[in-house]
Amino acid sequence: MSESQTNFQTLSVSKADLETAAKHGAMAPADVDSLWNELTAQARARGSVVDKGGFDLAQLAWYAGGVLVMIAMAWFMERANNFFGAGGVFGLSLAYAAAFAMLGSRLRFQLGQKTAGGVLFLLSVLMTPVALLSGLEMLQFTDRLSSSQVALLAELATLGAGLLVLNRVKVSLLAAPVFGSMWLLSMTIADLVASPYFGPLFGFASPAYLKVSMVIGLAILALSVYVDTRVGRQEDYSWWGYLFGTAAFWLPLTFLDSGGEAGKFFYFALNVLFMLLSVALARRVFLLVGAIGSIYYVVHLLMTYFTNSLAFPLALMAFAGAIFYLGLLYRRHKLVLEARLLALVPTALRSRLPRG
């Protein structure tokens, strides 16, 4: 037996892997629980059950600590600018970036604490726009540049730093500044290109802003699917792309004036499509926004046709009960329903879908 064949005798399989296999027709959905229980029993008998864990108290503490550090840094940098000027902030931001990177490197590579090290590397990357902006102010370049040009430089620098660190550290959390910078960078470029002809695009009150953001959101989602398919989810870089791409597309879609009832129904149909995409791509963010948008549309219908009627609260309660009951049905028949939905996708396309 070859070495490659031997390696495949000791694969690590989770219950999610079995559910995904059932979705793609490799086994019957009804057999997932029984097979998982049998595999778990055998693993316990061998003493080889390992709890890999997920989002736990330690990760919550690291993320919360990172957020508190960012708040403290923002407060401190504002005060430091008053006392030491832009040059002082520039030096401090570089020093903090180096300190975060060194401590993150020790945690990540020497102590094996991937998430904690990733949080510190993220803080190091987030020092990039602070250093750039204070450096530009120190050199008195901000007076020569427009606000959009300054934002463009900051976003480019953050994107570059994020890609550089991500290539070295390979922690999914570091994909957040990369995809976030892509979104902001694209919006800034769109504003710089279009504003001489159409005026400023920025602001949710501007239909042009909303439409540009939707196009960029679709581009980020397409890139996320590509990354998801090529890289996989062992280190889930694409999660952040789906998050920012969905936000860039769905939020403007919701704020955009959809016109009459036909436009609102089209909005509802897109949200239903999002829920179907959540099954095809195994991404819950699509299910979340699709459900919110669909509920929003149905509540709109109820308020339109029952708002002045005593039947309105009854209709609203009936709708709530229907949602609750559908949730129970979905949970009970989740694997079967998702397998049937995936069966509707052409085989050639289904084989290219990212695996959950």
Protein backbone atom coordinates (compact mmCIF):
# COMPACT_ATOMS: atom_id res chain seq x y z
CA MET A 1 0.00 0.00 0.00
CA SER A 2 1.37 3.41 -0.96
CA GLU A 3 2.05 6.21 1.54
CA SER A 4 -0.79 8.33 0.13
CA GLN A 5 -3.21 5.45 0.51
CA THR A 6 -2.06 4.86 4.08
CA ASN A 7 -2.62 8.49 5.00
CA PHE A 8 -6.24 8.30 3.92
CA GLN A 9 -6.88 5.57 6.48
CA THR A 10 -6.60 8.09 9.34
CA LEU A 11 -8.71 11.06 8.28
CA SER A 12 -10.22 13.28 10.96
CA VAL A 13 -13.98 13.43 10.35
CA SER A 14 -16.52 15.66 12.11
CA LYS A 15 -20.29 15.35 12.17
CA ALA A 16 -20.45 18.39 9.89
CA ASP A 17 -18.39 16.42 7.34
CA LEU A 18 -20.97 13.62 7.40
CA GLU A 19 -23.83 16.12 7.02
CA THR A 20 -22.06 17.70 4.04
CA ALA A 21 -21.53 14.26 2.50
CA ALA A 22 -25.26 13.60 2.89
CA LYS A 23 -26.10 16.92 1.24
CA HIS A 24 -23.98 15.99 -1.76
CA GLY A 25 -25.58 12.56 -2.10
CA ALA A 26 -22.70 10.44 -0.79
CA MET A 27 -24.93 8.87 1.88
CA ALA A 28 -28.51 8.93 3.09
CA PRO A 29 -29.29 11.89 5.39
CA ALA A 30 -31.15 9.56 7.76
CA ASP A 31 -27.92 7.59 8.36
CA VAL A 32 -25.85 10.54 9.59
CA ASP A 33 -26.80 10.35 13.27
CA SER A 34 -26.47 6.58 13.54
CA LEU A 35 -23.08 6.56 11.79
CA TRP A 36 -21.82 9.44 13.93
CA ASN A 37 -22.94 7.73 17.15
CA GLU A 38 -21.18 4.51 16.08
CA LEU A 39 -17.94 6.34 15.19
CA THR A 40 -18.05 8.26 18.49
CA ALA A 41 -18.57 5.06 20.48
CA GLN A 42 -15.61 3.40 18.77
CA ALA A 43 -13.42 6.45 19.35
CA ARG A 44 -14.33 6.51 23.06
CA ALA A 45 -13.50 2.81 23.30
CA ARG A 46 -10.04 3.57 21.89
CA GLY A 47 -9.69 6.62 24.14
CA SER A 48 -9.14 8.83 21.11
CA VAL A 49 -11.98 11.35 21.34
CA VAL A 50 -10.55 14.85 21.02
CA ASP A 51 -12.67 17.91 21.56
CA LYS A 52 -11.39 20.43 19.07
CA GLY A 53 -13.85 23.01 20.36
CA GLY A 54 -15.19 26.04 18.61
CA PHE A 55 -15.94 29.51 19.85
CA ASP A 56 -15.28 29.23 23.60
CA LEU A 57 -14.70 31.48 26.61
CA ALA A 58 -10.99 31.83 25.85
CA GLN A 59 -11.66 33.10 22.32
CA LEU A 60 -14.33 35.46 23.65
CA ALA A 61 -11.78 36.84 26.11
CA TRP A 62 -9.17 37.34 23.37
CA TYR A 63 -11.61 39.09 21.03
CA ALA A 64 -13.00 41.23 23.85
CA GLY A 65 -9.46 42.13 24.91
CA GLY A 66 -8.62 43.11 21.35
CA VAL A 67 -11.66 45.38 21.15
CA LEU A 68 -10.78 47.03 24.46
CA VAL A 69 -7.20 47.57 23.29
CA MET A 70 -8.49 49.28 20.11
CA ILE A 71 -10.76 51.55 22.16
CA ALA A 72 -7.90 52.39 24.53
CA MET A 73 -5.55 53.04 21.61
CA ALA A 74 -8.02 55.38 19.93
CA TRP A 75 -8.41 57.37 23.16
CA PHE A 76 -4.66 57.42 23.79
CA MET A 77 -3.73 58.44 20.25
CA GLU A 78 -6.16 61.34 20.37
CA ARG A 79 -4.56 62.59 23.60
CA ALA A 80 -1.06 61.89 22.29
CA ASN A 81 -1.75 64.03 19.23
CA ASN A 82 -2.59 66.97 21.49
CA PHE A 83 0.59 66.53 23.57
CA PHE A 84 3.19 65.27 21.08
CA GLY A 85 1.74 66.22 17.70
CA ALA A 86 1.57 64.12 14.55
CA GLY A 87 5.23 63.09 14.82
CA GLY A 88 4.65 61.62 18.26
CA VAL A 89 1.60 59.67 17.10
CA PHE A 90 3.57 58.40 14.09
CA GLY A 91 6.38 57.09 16.29
CA LEU A 92 4.01 55.57 18.84
CA SER A 93 1.94 53.83 16.18
CA LEU A 94 5.05 52.22 14.68
CA ALA A 95 6.25 51.17 18.12
CA TYR A 96 2.90 49.64 19.02
CA ALA A 97 2.65 47.88 15.65
CA ALA A 98 6.08 46.30 16.22
CA ALA A 99 5.21 45.33 19.82
CA PHE A 100 1.91 43.73 18.79
CA ALA A 101 3.64 41.84 15.96
CA MET A 102 6.44 40.53 18.21
CA LEU A 103 4.07 39.40 20.95
CA GLY A 104 1.71 37.91 18.36
CA SER A 105 4.61 36.02 16.78
CA ARG A 106 5.58 34.55 20.13
CA LEU A 107 2.02 33.44 20.88
CA ARG A 108 1.37 32.12 17.37
CA PHE A 109 4.62 30.37 16.49
CA GLN A 110 6.28 29.57 19.84
CA LEU A 111 3.33 28.89 22.15
CA GLY A 112 0.89 27.61 19.50
CA GLN A 113 -1.88 30.07 20.48
CA LYS A 114 -3.21 30.74 16.98
CA THR A 115 -6.27 32.83 17.83
CA ALA A 116 -4.60 34.96 20.51
CA GLY A 117 -1.62 35.56 18.22
CA GLY A 118 -3.97 36.38 15.35
CA VAL A 119 -5.73 39.05 17.43
CA LEU A 120 -2.39 40.72 18.17
CA PHE A 121 -1.33 40.58 14.53
CA LEU A 122 -4.69 42.15 13.65
CA LEU A 123 -3.99 45.01 16.07
CA SER A 124 -0.59 45.43 14.41
CA VAL A 125 -2.20 45.70 10.96
CA LEU A 126 -4.75 48.21 12.29
CA MET A 127 -1.88 50.49 13.32
CA THR A 128 -1.09 50.94 9.60
CA PRO A 129 -3.71 53.62 8.80
CA VAL A 130 -2.88 55.44 12.05
CA ALA A 131 0.82 55.53 11.15
CA LEU A 132 0.10 56.61 7.58
CA LEU A 133 -2.31 59.39 8.46
CA SER A 134 -0.08 60.78 11.20
CA GLY A 135 2.93 60.53 8.86
CA LEU A 136 1.10 62.47 6.15
CA GLU A 137 0.08 65.10 8.69
CA MET A 138 3.65 65.30 10.03
CA LEU A 139 4.95 65.92 6.49
CA GLN A 140 2.09 68.39 5.87
CA PHE A 141 0.79 66.38 2.92
CA THR A 142 -2.80 66.34 4.18
CA ASP A 143 -3.19 69.98 3.17
CA ARG A 144 -2.35 69.08 -0.43
CA LEU A 145 -4.67 66.07 -0.69
CA SER A 146 -8.44 65.76 -0.63
CA SER A 147 -10.13 63.66 2.03
CA SER A 148 -10.85 60.95 -0.55
CA GLN A 149 -7.19 60.84 -1.62
CA VAL A 150 -6.07 60.52 2.00
CA ALA A 151 -8.60 57.73 2.54
CA LEU A 152 -7.35 56.01 -0.64
CA LEU A 153 -3.76 55.96 0.64
CA ALA A 154 -4.82 54.69 4.07
CA GLU A 155 -6.92 51.90 2.55
CA LEU A 156 -4.15 50.86 0.15
CA ALA A 157 -1.65 50.75 2.99
CA THR A 158 -3.98 48.71 5.19
CA LEU A 159 -4.74 46.29 2.36
CA GLY A 160 -1.03 45.85 1.63
CA ALA A 161 -0.15 45.32 5.29
CA GLY A 162 -3.04 42.88 5.70
CA LEU A 163 -1.99 40.79 2.68
CA LEU A 164 1.64 40.80 3.81
CA VAL A 165 0.85 39.62 7.34
CA LEU A 166 -1.81 37.15 6.17
CA ASN A 167 0.70 35.52 3.81
CA ARG A 168 3.11 35.11 6.74
CA VAL A 169 0.79 34.22 9.61
CA LYS A 170 -2.11 32.45 7.86
CA VAL A 171 -4.86 33.09 10.43
CA SER A 172 -8.39 33.59 9.12
CA LEU A 173 -8.98 36.60 11.39
CA LEU A 174 -6.42 38.53 9.34
CA ALA A 175 -8.66 38.24 6.28
CA ALA A 176 -10.98 40.78 7.97
CA PRO A 177 -8.83 43.89 7.27
CA VAL A 178 -8.10 42.58 3.77
CA PHE A 179 -11.74 42.22 2.69
CA GLY A 180 -12.78 45.28 4.70
CA SER A 181 -10.11 47.39 2.99
CA MET A 182 -11.22 46.06 -0.40
CA TRP A 183 -14.75 47.28 0.23
CA LEU A 184 -13.68 50.72 1.47
CA LEU A 185 -11.01 51.03 -1.22
CA SER A 186 -13.48 50.25 -3.98
CA MET A 187 -15.95 52.81 -2.65
CA THR A 188 -13.24 55.47 -2.43
CA ILE A 189 -12.07 54.79 -6.00
CA ALA A 190 -15.68 54.92 -7.22
CA ASP A 191 -16.11 58.28 -5.50
CA LEU A 192 -12.89 59.69 -6.97
CA VAL A 193 -13.82 58.57 -10.48
CA ALA A 194 -17.50 59.49 -10.44
CA SER A 195 -17.66 62.63 -8.29
CA PRO A 196 -16.38 65.00 -11.01
CA TYR A 197 -19.33 63.92 -13.17
CA PHE A 198 -22.10 62.98 -10.72
CA GLY A 199 -21.09 64.67 -7.49
CA PRO A 200 -20.03 62.91 -4.27
CA LEU A 201 -21.27 59.31 -3.92
CA PHE A 202 -20.75 58.87 -0.21
CA GLY A 203 -23.70 58.59 2.15
CA PHE A 204 -26.59 56.18 2.43
CA ALA A 205 -28.85 59.03 1.28
CA SER A 206 -27.23 58.83 -2.14
CA PRO A 207 -28.75 56.24 -4.53
CA ALA A 208 -25.47 56.26 -6.47
CA TYR A 209 -23.58 55.20 -3.33
CA LEU A 210 -26.03 52.37 -2.67
CA LYS A 211 -25.83 51.05 -6.23
CA VAL A 212 -22.04 51.22 -6.38
CA SER A 213 -21.80 49.43 -3.04
CA MET A 214 -24.12 46.67 -4.30
CA VAL A 215 -21.93 46.08 -7.37
CA ILE A 216 -18.81 45.97 -5.20
CA GLY A 217 -20.56 43.64 -2.77
CA LEU A 218 -21.31 41.20 -5.60
CA ALA A 219 -17.66 41.34 -6.69
CA ILE A 220 -16.47 40.60 -3.15
CA LEU A 221 -18.94 37.70 -2.89
CA ALA A 222 -17.66 36.27 -6.18
CA LEU A 223 -14.07 36.55 -4.90
CA SER A 224 -15.12 34.87 -1.65
CA VAL A 225 -16.63 31.91 -3.51
CA TYR A 226 -13.39 31.60 -5.49
CA VAL A 227 -11.26 31.67 -2.32
CA ASP A 228 -13.67 29.25 -0.62
CA THR A 229 -13.41 26.81 -3.51
CA ARG A 230 -9.65 27.02 -3.97
CA VAL A 231 -8.45 27.30 -0.36
CA GLY A 232 -11.19 25.50 1.57
CA ARG A 233 -12.21 26.08 5.18
CA GLN A 234 -9.50 24.52 7.27
CA GLU A 235 -8.34 28.12 7.73
CA ASP A 236 -11.53 29.95 6.78
CA TYR A 237 -10.35 33.12 5.03
CA SER A 238 -13.49 33.39 2.89
CA TRP A 239 -15.81 33.82 5.93
CA TRP A 240 -14.84 37.47 6.18
CA GLY A 241 -15.33 37.94 2.47
CA TYR A 242 -18.86 36.58 2.70
CA LEU A 243 -19.52 38.88 5.66
CA PHE A 244 -18.25 42.08 4.03
CA GLY A 245 -19.64 41.15 0.61
CA THR A 246 -23.10 40.47 2.04
CA ALA A 247 -23.00 43.71 4.03
CA ALA A 248 -21.89 45.68 0.97
CA PHE A 249 -24.72 44.24 -1.13
CA TRP A 250 -27.63 43.55 1.21
CA LEU A 251 -27.58 46.69 3.37
CA PRO A 252 -27.73 49.09 0.37
CA LEU A 253 -30.35 46.84 -1.23
CA THR A 254 -32.49 47.23 1.90
CA PHE A 255 -32.00 51.01 2.09
CA LEU A 256 -32.55 51.56 -1.64
CA ASP A 257 -35.99 52.79 -2.62
CA SER A 258 -37.56 49.78 -4.31
CA GLY A 259 -40.48 51.77 -5.71
CA GLY A 260 -43.91 50.11 -5.82
CA GLU A 261 -45.08 46.67 -4.81
CA ALA A 262 -43.33 45.03 -7.77
CA GLY A 263 -39.98 46.34 -6.54
CA LYS A 264 -40.68 45.22 -2.99
CA PHE A 265 -41.61 41.74 -4.22
CA PHE A 266 -38.34 41.61 -6.18
CA TYR A 267 -36.53 42.48 -2.92
CA PHE A 268 -38.38 39.59 -1.26
CA ALA A 269 -37.39 37.22 -4.09
CA LEU A 270 -33.72 38.19 -3.72
CA ASN A 271 -33.88 37.42 -0.01
CA VAL A 272 -35.38 34.01 -0.73
CA LEU A 273 -32.48 33.47 -3.15
CA PHE A 274 -30.09 34.36 -0.34
CA MET A 275 -31.63 31.65 1.84
CA LEU A 276 -31.21 29.11 -0.96
CA LEU A 277 -27.59 30.22 -1.38
CA SER A 278 -27.02 29.50 2.29
CA VAL A 279 -27.75 25.84 1.53
CA ALA A 280 -25.69 25.69 -1.66
CA LEU A 281 -22.65 27.42 -0.14
CA ALA A 282 -23.18 26.26 3.47
CA ARG A 283 -22.91 29.84 4.78
CA ARG A 284 -25.31 30.96 7.53
CA VAL A 285 -24.78 34.66 6.85
CA PHE A 286 -26.96 34.29 3.73
CA LEU A 287 -29.66 32.55 5.73
CA LEU A 288 -29.61 35.31 8.35
CA VAL A 289 -29.95 38.27 5.98
CA GLY A 290 -32.39 36.39 3.72
CA ALA A 291 -34.64 35.59 6.66
CA ILE A 292 -34.54 39.18 7.95
CA GLY A 293 -35.35 40.58 4.49
CA SER A 294 -38.18 38.09 3.92
CA ILE A 295 -39.73 38.80 7.31
CA TYR A 296 -39.43 42.53 6.62
CA TYR A 297 -41.37 42.10 3.36
CA VAL A 298 -44.14 40.00 4.92
CA VAL A 299 -44.52 42.48 7.80
CA HIS A 300 -44.76 45.23 5.17
CA LEU A 301 -47.65 43.34 3.52
CA LEU A 302 -49.40 42.87 6.84
CA MET A 303 -49.04 46.54 7.72
CA THR A 304 -50.25 47.57 4.27
CA TYR A 305 -53.42 45.48 4.26
CA PHE A 306 -54.23 45.12 7.97
CA THR A 307 -52.78 48.25 9.59
CA ASN A 308 -56.18 49.88 10.29
CA SER A 309 -57.87 46.64 11.16
CA LEU A 310 -58.35 44.81 14.44
CA ALA A 311 -57.14 41.75 12.55
CA PHE A 312 -53.59 43.17 12.34
CA PRO A 313 -52.31 41.79 15.67
CA LEU A 314 -54.01 38.47 14.90
CA ALA A 315 -52.36 38.32 11.47
CA LEU A 316 -49.01 39.23 13.02
CA MET A 317 -49.33 36.51 15.65
CA ALA A 318 -50.38 33.98 13.01
CA PHE A 319 -47.32 34.90 10.98
CA ALA A 320 -45.08 34.55 14.03
CA GLY A 321 -46.60 31.15 14.76
CA ALA A 322 -46.06 30.06 11.16
CA ILE A 323 -42.40 31.09 11.33
CA PHE A 324 -41.97 29.17 14.59
CA TYR A 325 -43.60 26.06 13.12
CA LEU A 326 -41.54 26.26 9.91
CA GLY A 327 -38.43 26.49 12.07
CA LEU A 328 -39.40 23.28 13.85
CA LEU A 329 -40.08 21.52 10.55
CA TYR A 330 -36.79 22.69 9.09
CA ARG A 331 -34.82 21.52 12.12
CA ARG A 332 -36.55 18.13 12.01
CA HIS A 333 -35.99 17.58 8.27
CA LYS A 334 -32.92 19.77 7.74
CA LEU A 335 -30.66 17.21 6.04
CA VAL A 336 -33.37 15.85 3.77
CA LEU A 337 -34.53 19.31 2.66
CA GLU A 338 -31.01 20.54 2.00
CA ALA A 339 -30.13 17.36 0.12
CA ARG A 340 -33.19 17.81 -2.11
CA LEU A 341 -32.34 21.45 -2.78
CA LEU A 342 -28.78 20.54 -3.72
CA ALA A 343 -30.10 17.78 -5.98
CA LEU A 344 -31.74 20.51 -8.08
CA VAL A 345 -28.32 22.00 -8.84
CA PRO A 346 -26.73 20.62 -12.03
CA THR A 347 -24.09 18.00 -11.26
CA ALA A 348 -21.31 19.93 -13.03
CA LEU A 349 -22.03 23.01 -10.93
CA ARG A 350 -22.63 21.06 -7.71
CA SER A 351 -19.18 19.50 -7.93
CA ARG A 352 -17.65 23.00 -7.97
CA LEU A 353 -19.52 24.31 -4.94
CA PRO A 354 -17.50 24.98 -1.79
CA ARG A 355 -17.82 22.17 0.74
CA GLY A 356 -18.99 23.12 4.21
